[in-house]
Every structure is written in structure tokens, then in C-alpha cells.
Amino acid sequence: MDLLVQCDRCGRSYGRVFLDPRRESACRCGTPLRAGVTPRFVDREAVVVEERRLDEITRAADRLCYLIVATDCPRIDVEIERGNLRRRCAKLFPDKMDLYDMVYESRFRRLWAQFRPL
């Protein structure tokens, strides 16, 4: 099993083989990744699965933004797609729905108001 060391501050992952135990390593955010401290290990396969889920949500949100901005798709069709994206996000990330509302729903409302005024 390939293990990664994850930064406690930003969550960025590094391969355990890249950390030199003789000197202190640092994350890109500046947080020290000390070899003397027991690092938090993460399963690489789990990280890959999580990234694929995030990519799926990102692509679907980008497609929805495209429908709002660059097409004349009726509002009902956009709302159906919006509901589908919300359900998919709730299935993949049930504990992150408040973040979804803050990021994506506000973006969709703003784009609709900007590019589809009544």
C-alpha cells in the first residue's frame, strides 16, 4: 500500500519517500512536515477516489454554468440539471452540502441574474 503524508494545515499530500528523515521538510504552505512527529498517513487509493468524485462534481457544475451563460436553454431545464447536480453531490459528499450551497448555488444564482435578466 502506497502511503502519503498529509499536511495538517492545508491537506496537501506528499509521498512518504520524499520526506528526508535527517532534515525537516515543509509543505508548500509553509507548515513543517517533521519526520520526528508521527505523520498522518492517508491511503493513496482513497485520495484518488476522492479526487475523481470532486472532478465529477466540478465538470457537472461547469456544464451547468455553460447552460446558463452560453445557451438559450429554458429555465426549467436548468433547474432540472441543478437538482440533479444537488442530488449527486448529496450522494457523494453528504457532509459537505453547506459548502455546496455556499459555492455552487450562489454561483448559479449570480450567473442567472447576470446573463439571464428578466
PDB file of N, CA and C in Angstrom:
ATOM      1  N   MET A   1       0.855  -1.177   0.000  1.00  0.00           N
ATOM      2  CA  MET A   1       0.000   0.000   0.000  1.00  0.00           C
ATOM      3  C   MET A   1       0.891   1.227   0.000  1.00  0.00           C
ATOM      4  N   ASP A   2       0.653   2.119  -0.949  1.00  0.00           N
ATOM      5  CA  ASP A   2       1.427   3.348  -1.062  1.00  0.00           C
ATOM      6  C   ASP A   2       0.838   4.381  -0.106  1.00  0.00           C
ATOM      7  N   LEU A   3       1.640   4.892   0.811  1.00  0.00           N
ATOM      8  CA  LEU A   3       1.132   5.819   1.810  1.00  0.00           C
ATOM      9  C   LEU A   3       1.619   7.231   1.537  1.00  0.00           C
ATOM     10  N   LEU A   4       0.792   8.168   1.893  1.00  0.00           N
ATOM     11  CA  LEU A   4       1.092   9.575   1.733  1.00  0.00           C
ATOM     12  C   LEU A   4       1.102  10.243   3.094  1.00  0.00           C
ATOM     13  N   VAL A   5       1.841  11.326   3.201  1.00  0.00           N
ATOM     14  CA  VAL A   5       1.809  12.165   4.392  1.00  0.00           C
ATOM     15  C   VAL A   5       0.993  13.394   4.027  1.00  0.00           C
ATOM     16  N   GLN A   6       0.045  13.738   4.881  1.00  0.00           N
ATOM     17  CA  GLN A   6      -0.850  14.856   4.596  1.00  0.00           C
ATOM     18  C   GLN A   6      -0.545  16.009   5.535  1.00  0.00           C
ATOM     19  N   CYS A   7      -0.485  17.226   4.980  1.00  0.00           N
ATOM     20  CA  CYS A   7      -0.253  18.432   5.773  1.00  0.00           C
ATOM     21  C   CYS A   7      -1.472  18.696   6.652  1.00  0.00           C
ATOM     22  N   ASP A   8      -1.225  18.999   7.924  1.00  0.00           N
ATOM     23  CA  ASP A   8      -2.331  19.268   8.846  1.00  0.00           C
ATOM     24  C   ASP A   8      -3.013  20.591   8.552  1.00  0.00           C
ATOM     25  N   ARG A   9      -2.312  21.521   7.945  1.00  0.00           N
ATOM     26  CA  ARG A   9      -2.864  22.856   7.717  1.00  0.00           C
ATOM     27  C   ARG A   9      -3.695  22.937   6.439  1.00  0.00           C
ATOM     28  N   CYS A  10      -3.102  22.539   5.309  1.00  0.00           N
ATOM     29  CA  CYS A  10      -3.804  22.715   4.029  1.00  0.00           C
ATOM     30  C   CYS A  10      -4.338  21.416   3.438  1.00  0.00           C
ATOM     31  N   GLY A  11      -3.886  20.273   3.949  1.00  0.00           N
ATOM     32  CA  GLY A  11      -4.373  18.992   3.460  1.00  0.00           C
ATOM     33  C   GLY A  11      -3.633  18.450   2.253  1.00  0.00           C
ATOM     34  N   ARG A  12      -2.635  19.166   1.748  1.00  0.00           N
ATOM     35  CA  ARG A  12      -1.860  18.699   0.602  1.00  0.00           C
ATOM     36  C   ARG A  12      -1.119  17.420   0.980  1.00  0.00           C
ATOM     37  N   SER A  13      -1.018  16.481   0.046  1.00  0.00           N
ATOM     38  CA  SER A  13      -0.401  15.187   0.326  1.00  0.00           C
ATOM     39  C   SER A  13       0.961  15.080  -0.327  1.00  0.00           C
ATOM     40  N   TYR A  14       1.856  14.385   0.352  1.00  0.00           N
ATOM     41  CA  TYR A  14       3.206  14.144  -0.142  1.00  0.00           C
ATOM     42  C   TYR A  14       3.535  12.672   0.031  1.00  0.00           C
ATOM     43  N   GLY A  15       4.290  12.129  -0.922  1.00  0.00           N
ATOM     44  CA  GLY A  15       4.730  10.755  -0.811  1.00  0.00           C
ATOM     45  C   GLY A  15       5.708  10.593   0.343  1.00  0.00           C
ATOM     46  N   ARG A  16       5.537   9.554   1.094  1.00  0.00           N
ATOM     47  CA  ARG A  16       6.388   9.330   2.256  1.00  0.00           C
ATOM     48  C   ARG A  16       7.855   9.219   1.858  1.00  0.00           C
ATOM     49  N   VAL A  17       8.140   8.707   0.660  1.00  0.00           N
ATOM     50  CA  VAL A  17       9.521   8.525   0.224  1.00  0.00           C
ATOM     51  C   VAL A  17      10.231   9.850  -0.013  1.00  0.00           C
ATOM     52  N   PHE A  18       9.492  10.942  -0.203  1.00  0.00           N
ATOM     53  CA  PHE A  18      10.103  12.238  -0.477  1.00  0.00           C
ATOM     54  C   PHE A  18      10.509  12.978   0.792  1.00  0.00           C
ATOM     55  N   LEU A  19      10.100  12.511   1.935  1.00  0.00           N
ATOM     56  CA  LEU A  19      10.454  13.166   3.184  1.00  0.00           C
ATOM     57  C   LEU A  19      11.781  12.619   3.684  1.00  0.00           C
ATOM     58  N   ASP A  20      12.744  13.489   3.847  1.00  0.00           N
ATOM     59  CA  ASP A  20      14.068  13.108   4.332  1.00  0.00           C
ATOM     60  C   ASP A  20      14.034  13.081   5.857  1.00  0.00           C
ATOM     61  N   PRO A  21      14.257  11.920   6.491  1.00  0.00           N
ATOM     62  CA  PRO A  21      14.170  11.847   7.950  1.00  0.00           C
ATOM     63  C   PRO A  21      15.301  12.599   8.655  1.00  0.00           C
ATOM     64  N   ARG A  22      16.370  12.941   7.915  1.00  0.00           N
ATOM     65  CA  ARG A  22      17.503  13.635   8.536  1.00  0.00           C
ATOM     66  C   ARG A  22      17.310  15.142   8.622  1.00  0.00           C
ATOM     67  N   ARG A  23      16.351  15.669   7.885  1.00  0.00           N
ATOM     68  CA  ARG A  23      16.114  17.117   7.949  1.00  0.00           C
ATOM     69  C   ARG A  23      14.614  17.402   7.926  1.00  0.00           C
ATOM     70  N   GLU A  24      14.282  18.600   8.324  1.00  0.00           N
ATOM     71  CA  GLU A  24      12.878  18.992   8.388  1.00  0.00           C
ATOM     72  C   GLU A  24      12.385  19.383   7.001  1.00  0.00           C
ATOM     73  N   SER A  25      11.294  18.791   6.586  1.00  0.00           N
ATOM     74  CA  SER A  25      10.670  19.135   5.314  1.00  0.00           C
ATOM     75  C   SER A  25       9.509  20.066   5.589  1.00  0.00           C
ATOM     76  N   ALA A  26       9.109  20.810   4.563  1.00  0.00           N
ATOM     77  CA  ALA A  26       7.991  21.739   4.719  1.00  0.00           C
ATOM     78  C   ALA A  26       7.032  21.578   3.550  1.00  0.00           C
ATOM     79  N   CYS A  27       5.785  21.802   3.841  1.00  0.00           N
ATOM     80  CA  CYS A  27       4.736  21.810   2.837  1.00  0.00           C
ATOM     81  C   CYS A  27       4.861  23.093   2.018  1.00  0.00           C
ATOM     82  N   ARG A  28       4.200  23.146   0.885  1.00  0.00           N
ATOM     83  CA  ARG A  28       4.198  24.371   0.070  1.00  0.00           C
ATOM     84  C   ARG A  28       3.571  25.545   0.807  1.00  0.00           C
ATOM     85  N   CYS A  29       2.671  25.253   1.742  1.00  0.00           N
ATOM     86  CA  CYS A  29       2.024  26.324   2.510  1.00  0.00           C
ATOM     87  C   CYS A  29       2.926  26.833   3.625  1.00  0.00           C
ATOM     88  N   GLY A  30       4.063  26.160   3.850  1.00  0.00           N
ATOM     89  CA  GLY A  30       4.999  26.600   4.867  1.00  0.00           C
ATOM     90  C   GLY A  30       4.957  25.800   6.159  1.00  0.00           C
ATOM     91  N   THR A  31       3.982  24.948   6.323  1.00  0.00           N
ATOM     92  CA  THR A  31       3.868  24.145   7.536  1.00  0.00           C
ATOM     93  C   THR A  31       4.953  23.072   7.543  1.00  0.00           C
ATOM     94  N   PRO A  32       5.692  22.970   8.637  1.00  0.00           N
ATOM     95  CA  PRO A  32       6.741  21.941   8.685  1.00  0.00           C
ATOM     96  C   PRO A  32       6.158  20.530   8.712  1.00  0.00           C
ATOM     97  N   LEU A  33       6.787  19.642   7.963  1.00  0.00           N
ATOM     98  CA  LEU A  33       6.447  18.219   7.967  1.00  0.00           C
ATOM     99  C   LEU A  33       7.634  17.514   8.599  1.00  0.00           C
ATOM    100  N   ARG A  34       7.624  17.404   9.894  1.00  0.00           N
ATOM    101  CA  ARG A  34       8.760  16.842  10.619  1.00  0.00           C
ATOM    102  C   ARG A  34       8.703  15.324  10.636  1.00  0.00           C
ATOM    103  N   ALA A  35       9.871  14.740  10.414  1.00  0.00           N
ATOM    104  CA  ALA A  35       9.955  13.276  10.425  1.00  0.00           C
ATOM    105  C   ALA A  35       9.849  12.739  11.843  1.00  0.00           C
ATOM    106  N   GLY A  36      10.246  13.530  12.849  1.00  0.00           N
ATOM    107  CA  GLY A  36      10.192  13.075  14.235  1.00  0.00           C
ATOM    108  C   GLY A  36       8.785  12.985  14.765  1.00  0.00           C
ATOM    109  N   VAL A  37       7.882  13.783  14.226  1.00  0.00           N
ATOM    110  CA  VAL A  37       6.480  13.772  14.646  1.00  0.00           C
ATOM    111  C   VAL A  37       5.762  12.697  13.855  1.00  0.00           C
ATOM    112  N   THR A  38       4.893  11.984  14.490  1.00  0.00           N
ATOM    113  CA  THR A  38       4.152  10.945  13.791  1.00  0.00           C
ATOM    114  C   THR A  38       3.217  11.594  12.780  1.00  0.00           C
ATOM    115  N   PRO A  39       3.474  11.373  11.485  1.00  0.00           N
ATOM    116  CA  PRO A  39       2.623  12.000  10.471  1.00  0.00           C
ATOM    117  C   PRO A  39       1.289  11.274  10.348  1.00  0.00           C
ATOM    118  N   ARG A  40       0.344  11.959   9.751  1.00  0.00           N
ATOM    119  CA  ARG A  40      -0.953  11.366   9.472  1.00  0.00           C
ATOM    120  C   ARG A  40      -0.876  10.738   8.084  1.00  0.00           C
ATOM    121  N   PHE A  41      -1.051   9.432   7.994  1.00  0.00           N
ATOM    122  CA  PHE A  41      -0.941   8.747   6.721  1.00  0.00           C
ATOM    123  C   PHE A  41      -2.316   8.599   6.088  1.00  0.00           C
ATOM    124  N   VAL A  42      -2.328   8.665   4.763  1.00  0.00           N
ATOM    125  CA  VAL A  42      -3.561   8.586   4.001  1.00  0.00           C
ATOM    126  C   VAL A  42      -3.396   7.521   2.932  1.00  0.00           C
ATOM    127  N   ASP A  43      -4.399   6.739   2.723  1.00  0.00           N
ATOM    128  CA  ASP A  43      -4.379   5.717   1.684  1.00  0.00           C
ATOM    129  C   ASP A  43      -4.480   6.390   0.318  1.00  0.00           C
ATOM    130  N   ARG A  44      -3.536   6.099  -0.557  1.00  0.00           N
ATOM    131  CA  ARG A  44      -3.482   6.747  -1.867  1.00  0.00           C
ATOM    132  C   ARG A  44      -4.732   6.449  -2.694  1.00  0.00           C
ATOM    133  N   GLU A  45      -5.232   5.226  -2.633  1.00  0.00           N
ATOM    134  CA  GLU A  45      -6.427   4.876  -3.405  1.00  0.00           C
ATOM    135  C   GLU A  45      -7.628   5.710  -2.965  1.00  0.00           C
ATOM    136  N   ALA A  46      -7.733   5.959  -1.672  1.00  0.00           N
ATOM    137  CA  ALA A  46      -8.830   6.792  -1.169  1.00  0.00           C
ATOM    138  C   ALA A  46      -8.711   8.220  -1.684  1.00  0.00           C
ATOM    139  N   VAL A  47      -7.496   8.723  -1.778  1.00  0.00           N
ATOM    140  CA  VAL A  47      -7.276  10.076  -2.299  1.00  0.00           C
ATOM    141  C   VAL A  47      -7.674  10.143  -3.768  1.00  0.00           C
ATOM    142  N   VAL A  48      -7.321   9.113  -4.537  1.00  0.00           N
ATOM    143  CA  VAL A  48      -7.658   9.083  -5.958  1.00  0.00           C
ATOM    144  C   VAL A  48      -9.171   9.042  -6.151  1.00  0.00           C
ATOM    145  N   VAL A  49      -9.862   8.227  -5.364  1.00  0.00           N
ATOM    146  CA  VAL A  49     -11.326   8.144  -5.454  1.00  0.00           C
ATOM    147  C   VAL A  49     -11.952   9.494  -5.114  1.00  0.00           C
ATOM    148  N   GLU A  50     -11.455  10.139  -4.067  1.00  0.00           N
ATOM    149  CA  GLU A  50     -11.980  11.455  -3.669  1.00  0.00           C
ATOM    150  C   GLU A  50     -11.774  12.490  -4.770  1.00  0.00           C
ATOM    151  N   GLU A  51     -10.607  12.468  -5.408  1.00  0.00           N
ATOM    152  CA  GLU A  51     -10.339  13.416  -6.494  1.00  0.00           C
ATOM    153  C   GLU A  51     -11.242  13.166  -7.688  1.00  0.00           C
ATOM    154  N   ARG A  52     -11.526  11.903  -7.989  1.00  0.00           N
ATOM    155  CA  ARG A  52     -12.438  11.597  -9.103  1.00  0.00           C
ATOM    156  C   ARG A  52     -13.846  12.100  -8.815  1.00  0.00           C
ATOM    157  N   ARG A  53     -14.288  11.945  -7.582  1.00  0.00           N
ATOM    158  CA  ARG A  53     -15.618  12.455  -7.207  1.00  0.00           C
ATOM    159  C   ARG A  53     -15.662  13.976  -7.329  1.00  0.00           C
ATOM    160  N   LEU A  54     -14.609  14.630  -6.863  1.00  0.00           N
ATOM    161  CA  LEU A  54     -14.556  16.088  -6.980  1.00  0.00           C
ATOM    162  C   LEU A  54     -14.549  16.534  -8.435  1.00  0.00           C
ATOM    163  N   ASP A  55     -13.804  15.822  -9.284  1.00  0.00           N
ATOM    164  CA  ASP A  55     -13.779  16.149 -10.710  1.00  0.00           C
ATOM    165  C   ASP A  55     -15.156  15.995 -11.340  1.00  0.00           C
ATOM    166  N   GLU A  56     -15.880  14.953 -10.932  1.00  0.00           N
ATOM    167  CA  GLU A  56     -17.225  14.742 -11.465  1.00  0.00           C
ATOM    168  C   GLU A  56     -18.146  15.913 -11.117  1.00  0.00           C
ATOM    169  N   ILE A  57     -18.111  16.341  -9.869  1.00  0.00           N
ATOM    170  CA  ILE A  57     -18.948  17.466  -9.437  1.00  0.00           C
ATOM    171  C   ILE A  57     -18.522  18.750 -10.150  1.00  0.00           C
ATOM    172  N   THR A  58     -17.221  18.958 -10.279  1.00  0.00           N
ATOM    173  CA  THR A  58     -16.715  20.166 -10.943  1.00  0.00           C
ATOM    174  C   THR A  58     -17.151  20.207 -12.404  1.00  0.00           C
ATOM    175  N   ARG A  59     -17.032  19.081 -13.108  1.00  0.00           N
ATOM    176  CA  ARG A  59     -17.448  19.047 -14.517  1.00  0.00           C
ATOM    177  C   ARG A  59     -18.944  19.304 -14.661  1.00  0.00           C
ATOM    178  N   ALA A  60     -19.741  18.717 -13.783  1.00  0.00           N
ATOM    179  CA  ALA A  60     -21.189  18.923 -13.855  1.00  0.00           C
ATOM    180  C   ALA A  60     -21.546  20.380 -13.562  1.00  0.00           C
ATOM    181  N   ALA A  61     -20.862  20.993 -12.600  1.00  0.00           N
ATOM    182  CA  ALA A  61     -21.119  22.400 -12.282  1.00  0.00           C
ATOM    183  C   ALA A  61     -20.688  23.304 -13.434  1.00  0.00           C
ATOM    184  N   ASP A  62     -19.563  22.997 -14.053  1.00  0.00           N
ATOM    185  CA  ASP A  62     -19.113  23.779 -15.211  1.00  0.00           C
ATOM    186  C   ASP A  62     -20.096  23.670 -16.366  1.00  0.00           C
ATOM    187  N   ARG A  63     -20.634  22.484 -16.561  1.00  0.00           N
ATOM    188  CA  ARG A  63     -21.632  22.289 -17.618  1.00  0.00           C
ATOM    189  C   ARG A  63     -22.889  23.111 -17.332  1.00  0.00           C
ATOM    190  N   LEU A  64     -23.298  23.127 -16.089  1.00  0.00           N
ATOM    191  CA  LEU A  64     -24.465  23.913 -15.707  1.00  0.00           C
ATOM    192  C   LEU A  64     -24.211  25.404 -15.901  1.00  0.00           C
ATOM    193  N   CYS A  65     -23.025  25.858 -15.540  1.00  0.00           N
ATOM    194  CA  CYS A  65     -22.672  27.262 -15.776  1.00  0.00           C
ATOM    195  C   CYS A  65     -22.712  27.581 -17.267  1.00  0.00           C
ATOM    196  N   TYR A  66     -22.228  26.658 -18.091  1.00  0.00           N
ATOM    197  CA  TYR A  66     -22.276  26.841 -19.538  1.00  0.00           C
ATOM    198  C   TYR A  66     -23.718  26.946 -20.026  1.00  0.00           C
ATOM    199  N   LEU A  67     -24.597  26.092 -19.495  1.00  0.00           N
ATOM    200  CA  LEU A  67     -26.004  26.151 -19.897  1.00  0.00           C
ATOM    201  C   LEU A  67     -26.622  27.506 -19.560  1.00  0.00           C
ATOM    202  N   ILE A  68     -26.252  28.051 -18.427  1.00  0.00           N
ATOM    203  CA  ILE A  68     -26.807  29.349 -18.008  1.00  0.00           C
ATOM    204  C   ILE A  68     -26.249  30.472 -18.867  1.00  0.00           C
ATOM    205  N   VAL A  69     -24.949  30.480 -19.086  1.00  0.00           N
ATOM    206  CA  VAL A  69     -24.280  31.617 -19.723  1.00  0.00           C
ATOM    207  C   VAL A  69     -24.361  31.584 -21.242  1.00  0.00           C
ATOM    208  N   ALA A  70     -24.125  30.442 -21.856  1.00  0.00           N
ATOM    209  CA  ALA A  70     -23.899  30.418 -23.301  1.00  0.00           C
ATOM    210  C   ALA A  70     -24.999  29.758 -24.125  1.00  0.00           C
ATOM    211  N   THR A  71     -26.089  29.348 -23.511  1.00  0.00           N
ATOM    212  CA  THR A  71     -27.168  28.734 -24.288  1.00  0.00           C
ATOM    213  C   THR A  71     -28.476  29.443 -23.982  1.00  0.00           C
ATOM    214  N   ASP A  72     -29.471  29.125 -24.774  1.00  0.00           N
ATOM    215  CA  ASP A  72     -30.808  29.662 -24.508  1.00  0.00           C
ATOM    216  C   ASP A  72     -31.715  28.567 -23.942  1.00  0.00           C
ATOM    217  N   CYS A  73     -31.128  27.689 -23.200  1.00  0.00           N
ATOM    218  CA  CYS A  73     -31.836  26.588 -22.548  1.00  0.00           C
ATOM    219  C   CYS A  73     -32.902  27.166 -21.608  1.00  0.00           C
ATOM    220  N   PRO A  74     -34.127  26.655 -21.640  1.00  0.00           N
ATOM    221  CA  PRO A  74     -35.186  27.179 -20.764  1.00  0.00           C
ATOM    222  C   PRO A  74     -34.843  27.004 -19.279  1.00  0.00           C
ATOM    223  N   ARG A  75     -35.408  27.884 -18.483  1.00  0.00           N
ATOM    224  CA  ARG A  75     -35.127  27.869 -17.049  1.00  0.00           C
ATOM    225  C   ARG A  75     -35.468  26.523 -16.405  1.00  0.00           C
ATOM    226  N   ILE A  76     -36.547  25.894 -16.849  1.00  0.00           N
ATOM    227  CA  ILE A  76     -36.955  24.629 -16.250  1.00  0.00           C
ATOM    228  C   ILE A  76     -35.894  23.554 -16.464  1.00  0.00           C
ATOM    229  N   ASP A  77     -35.271  23.543 -17.655  1.00  0.00           N
ATOM    230  CA  ASP A  77     -34.210  22.568 -17.921  1.00  0.00           C
ATOM    231  C   ASP A  77     -32.978  22.838 -17.066  1.00  0.00           C
ATOM    232  N   VAL A  78     -32.663  24.101 -16.864  1.00  0.00           N
ATOM    233  CA  VAL A  78     -31.534  24.458 -15.996  1.00  0.00           C
ATOM    234  C   VAL A  78     -31.830  24.037 -14.560  1.00  0.00           C
ATOM    235  N   GLU A  79     -33.063  24.249 -14.110  1.00  0.00           N
ATOM    236  CA  GLU A  79     -33.434  23.855 -12.749  1.00  0.00           C
ATOM    237  C   GLU A  79     -33.389  22.337 -12.565  1.00  0.00           C
ATOM    238  N   ILE A  80     -33.757  21.584 -13.599  1.00  0.00           N
ATOM    239  CA  ILE A  80     -33.675  20.121 -13.528  1.00  0.00           C
ATOM    240  C   ILE A  80     -32.222  19.692 -13.390  1.00  0.00           C
ATOM    241  N   GLU A  81     -31.354  20.278 -14.197  1.00  0.00           N
ATOM    242  CA  GLU A  81     -29.924  19.969 -14.107  1.00  0.00           C
ATOM    243  C   GLU A  81     -29.352  20.367 -12.749  1.00  0.00           C
ATOM    244  N   ARG A  82     -29.823  21.486 -12.246  1.00  0.00           N
ATOM    245  CA  ARG A  82     -29.381  21.959 -10.930  1.00  0.00           C
ATOM    246  C   ARG A  82     -29.788  20.970  -9.838  1.00  0.00           C
ATOM    247  N   GLY A  83     -31.006  20.474  -9.905  1.00  0.00           N
ATOM    248  CA  GLY A  83     -31.476  19.477  -8.944  1.00  0.00           C
ATOM    249  C   GLY A  83     -30.701  18.169  -9.049  1.00  0.00           C
ATOM    250  N   ASN A  84     -30.398  17.764 -10.297  1.00  0.00           N
ATOM    251  CA  ASN A  84     -29.600  16.543 -10.491  1.00  0.00           C
ATOM    252  C   ASN A  84     -28.212  16.694  -9.874  1.00  0.00           C
ATOM    253  N   LEU A  85     -27.595  17.854 -10.070  1.00  0.00           N
ATOM    254  CA  LEU A  85     -26.274  18.097  -9.505  1.00  0.00           C
ATOM    255  C   LEU A  85     -26.335  18.099  -7.977  1.00  0.00           C
ATOM    256  N   ARG A  86     -27.358  18.702  -7.432  1.00  0.00           N
ATOM    257  CA  ARG A  86     -27.505  18.747  -5.977  1.00  0.00           C
ATOM    258  C   ARG A  86     -27.664  17.338  -5.388  1.00  0.00           C
ATOM    259  N   ARG A  87     -28.482  16.512  -6.030  1.00  0.00           N
ATOM    260  CA  ARG A  87     -28.670  15.138  -5.568  1.00  0.00           C
ATOM    261  C   ARG A  87     -27.383  14.329  -5.682  1.00  0.00           C
ATOM    262  N   ARG A  88     -26.659  14.513  -6.768  1.00  0.00           N
ATOM    263  CA  ARG A  88     -25.399  13.784  -6.946  1.00  0.00           C
ATOM    264  C   ARG A  88     -24.373  14.199  -5.900  1.00  0.00           C
ATOM    265  N   CYS A  89     -24.309  15.491  -5.629  1.00  0.00           N
ATOM    266  CA  CYS A  89     -23.387  15.993  -4.609  1.00  0.00           C
ATOM    267  C   CYS A  89     -23.785  15.462  -3.231  1.00  0.00           C
ATOM    268  N   ALA A  90     -25.078  15.414  -2.955  1.00  0.00           N
ATOM    269  CA  ALA A  90     -25.540  14.893  -1.666  1.00  0.00           C
ATOM    270  C   ALA A  90     -25.211  13.407  -1.522  1.00  0.00           C
ATOM    271  N   LYS A  91     -25.209  12.688  -2.627  1.00  0.00           N
ATOM    272  CA  LYS A  91     -24.864  11.268  -2.577  1.00  0.00           C
ATOM    273  C   LYS A  91     -23.366  11.071  -2.357  1.00  0.00           C
ATOM    274  N   LEU A  92     -22.544  11.862  -3.060  1.00  0.00           N
ATOM    275  CA  LEU A  92     -21.094  11.699  -2.976  1.00  0.00           C
ATOM    276  C   LEU A  92     -20.493  12.334  -1.724  1.00  0.00           C
ATOM    277  N   PHE A  93     -21.028  13.499  -1.329  1.00  0.00           N
ATOM    278  CA  PHE A  93     -20.484  14.254  -0.195  1.00  0.00           C
ATOM    279  C   PHE A  93     -21.609  14.727   0.720  1.00  0.00           C
ATOM    280  N   PRO A  94     -22.254  13.823   1.450  1.00  0.00           N
ATOM    281  CA  PRO A  94     -23.417  14.225   2.259  1.00  0.00           C
ATOM    282  C   PRO A  94     -23.075  15.227   3.362  1.00  0.00           C
ATOM    283  N   ASP A  95     -21.868  15.212   3.863  1.00  0.00           N
ATOM    284  CA  ASP A  95     -21.497  16.120   4.943  1.00  0.00           C
ATOM    285  C   ASP A  95     -21.017  17.476   4.444  1.00  0.00           C
ATOM    286  N   LYS A  96     -20.984  17.688   3.139  1.00  0.00           N
ATOM    287  CA  LYS A  96     -20.473  18.938   2.572  1.00  0.00           C
ATOM    288  C   LYS A  96     -21.549  19.760   1.865  1.00  0.00           C
ATOM    289  N   MET A  97     -22.797  19.509   2.151  1.00  0.00           N
ATOM    290  CA  MET A  97     -23.859  20.212   1.435  1.00  0.00           C
ATOM    291  C   MET A  97     -23.917  21.699   1.761  1.00  0.00           C
ATOM    292  N   ASP A  98     -23.525  22.086   2.977  1.00  0.00           N
ATOM    293  CA  ASP A  98     -23.493  23.514   3.281  1.00  0.00           C
ATOM    294  C   ASP A  98     -22.431  24.216   2.438  1.00  0.00           C
ATOM    295  N   LEU A  99     -21.320  23.554   2.185  1.00  0.00           N
ATOM    296  CA  LEU A  99     -20.286  24.104   1.324  1.00  0.00           C
ATOM    297  C   LEU A  99     -20.778  24.182  -0.122  1.00  0.00           C
ATOM    298  N   TYR A 100     -21.505  23.160  -0.558  1.00  0.00           N
ATOM    299  CA  TYR A 100     -22.090  23.167  -1.898  1.00  0.00           C
ATOM    300  C   TYR A 100     -23.007  24.378  -2.072  1.00  0.00           C
ATOM    301  N   ASP A 101     -23.863  24.615  -1.079  1.00  0.00           N
ATOM    302  CA  ASP A 101     -24.774  25.760  -1.159  1.00  0.00           C
ATOM    303  C   ASP A 101     -24.022  27.085  -1.243  1.00  0.00           C
ATOM    304  N   MET A 102     -22.975  27.208  -0.440  1.00  0.00           N
ATOM    305  CA  MET A 102     -22.215  28.464  -0.436  1.00  0.00           C
ATOM    306  C   MET A 102     -21.497  28.696  -1.762  1.00  0.00           C
ATOM    307  N   VAL A 103     -20.917  27.655  -2.325  1.00  0.00           N
ATOM    308  CA  VAL A 103     -20.098  27.834  -3.526  1.00  0.00           C
ATOM    309  C   VAL A 103     -20.930  27.768  -4.795  1.00  0.00           C
ATOM    310  N   TYR A 104     -21.616  26.658  -5.012  1.00  0.00           N
ATOM    311  CA  TYR A 104     -22.262  26.433  -6.303  1.00  0.00           C
ATOM    312  C   TYR A 104     -23.618  27.121  -6.437  1.00  0.00           C
ATOM    313  N   GLU A 105     -24.478  26.975  -5.447  1.00  0.00           N
ATOM    314  CA  GLU A 105     -25.807  27.575  -5.583  1.00  0.00           C
ATOM    315  C   GLU A 105     -25.727  29.091  -5.722  1.00  0.00           C
ATOM    316  N   SER A 106     -24.841  29.724  -4.960  1.00  0.00           N
ATOM    317  CA  SER A 106     -24.697  31.180  -5.094  1.00  0.00           C
ATOM    318  C   SER A 106     -24.143  31.528  -6.468  1.00  0.00           C
ATOM    319  N   ARG A 107     -23.240  30.713  -6.991  1.00  0.00           N
ATOM    320  CA  ARG A 107     -22.702  30.958  -8.340  1.00  0.00           C
ATOM    321  C   ARG A 107     -23.789  30.849  -9.389  1.00  0.00           C
ATOM    322  N   PHE A 108     -24.644  29.830  -9.292  1.00  0.00           N
ATOM    323  CA  PHE A 108     -25.717  29.654 -10.273  1.00  0.00           C
ATOM    324  C   PHE A 108     -26.699  30.823 -10.232  1.00  0.00           C
ATOM    325  N   ARG A 109     -27.052  31.265  -9.023  1.00  0.00           N
ATOM    326  CA  ARG A 109     -27.958  32.421  -8.905  1.00  0.00           C
ATOM    327  C   ARG A 109     -27.344  33.679  -9.501  1.00  0.00           C
ATOM    328  N   ARG A 110     -26.071  33.897  -9.212  1.00  0.00           N
ATOM    329  CA  ARG A 110     -25.387  35.088  -9.719  1.00  0.00           C
ATOM    330  C   ARG A 110     -25.294  35.058 -11.242  1.00  0.00           C
ATOM    331  N   LEU A 111     -24.940  33.931 -11.816  1.00  0.00           N
ATOM    332  CA  LEU A 111     -24.851  33.818 -13.274  1.00  0.00           C
ATOM    333  C   LEU A 111     -26.209  34.000 -13.932  1.00  0.00           C
ATOM    334  N   TRP A 112     -27.251  33.450 -13.319  1.00  0.00           N
ATOM    335  CA  TRP A 112     -28.593  33.619 -13.877  1.00  0.00           C
ATOM    336  C   TRP A 112     -28.984  35.102 -13.863  1.00  0.00           C
ATOM    337  N   ALA A 113     -28.721  35.782 -12.777  1.00  0.00           N
ATOM    338  CA  ALA A 113     -29.065  37.206 -12.688  1.00  0.00           C
ATOM    339  C   ALA A 113     -28.236  38.038 -13.663  1.00  0.00           C
ATOM    340  N   GLN A 114     -27.001  37.663 -13.874  1.00  0.00           N
ATOM    341  CA  GLN A 114     -26.126  38.443 -14.731  1.00  0.00           C
ATOM    342  C   GLN A 114     -26.389  38.203 -16.214  1.00  0.00           C
ATOM    343  N   PHE A 115     -26.606  36.958 -16.618  1.00  0.00           N
ATOM    344  CA  PHE A 115     -26.707  36.631 -18.030  1.00  0.00           C
ATOM    345  C   PHE A 115     -28.124  36.359 -18.511  1.00  0.00           C
ATOM    346  N   ARG A 116     -29.073  36.238 -17.596  1.00  0.00           N
ATOM    347  CA  ARG A 116     -30.463  35.995 -17.979  1.00  0.00           C
ATOM    348  C   ARG A 116     -31.406  36.927 -17.228  1.00  0.00           C
ATOM    349  N   PRO A 117     -31.210  38.219 -17.354  1.00  0.00           N
ATOM    350  CA  PRO A 117     -32.105  39.135 -16.628  1.00  0.00           C
ATOM    351  C   PRO A 117     -33.537  39.023 -17.142  1.00  0.00           C
ATOM    352  N   LEU A 118     -34.485  39.238 -16.260  1.00  0.00           N
ATOM    353  CA  LEU A 118     -35.906  39.125 -16.640  1.00  0.00           C
ATOM    354  C   LEU A 118     -36.354  40.276 -17.456  1.00  0.00           C
TER     355      LEU A 118
END
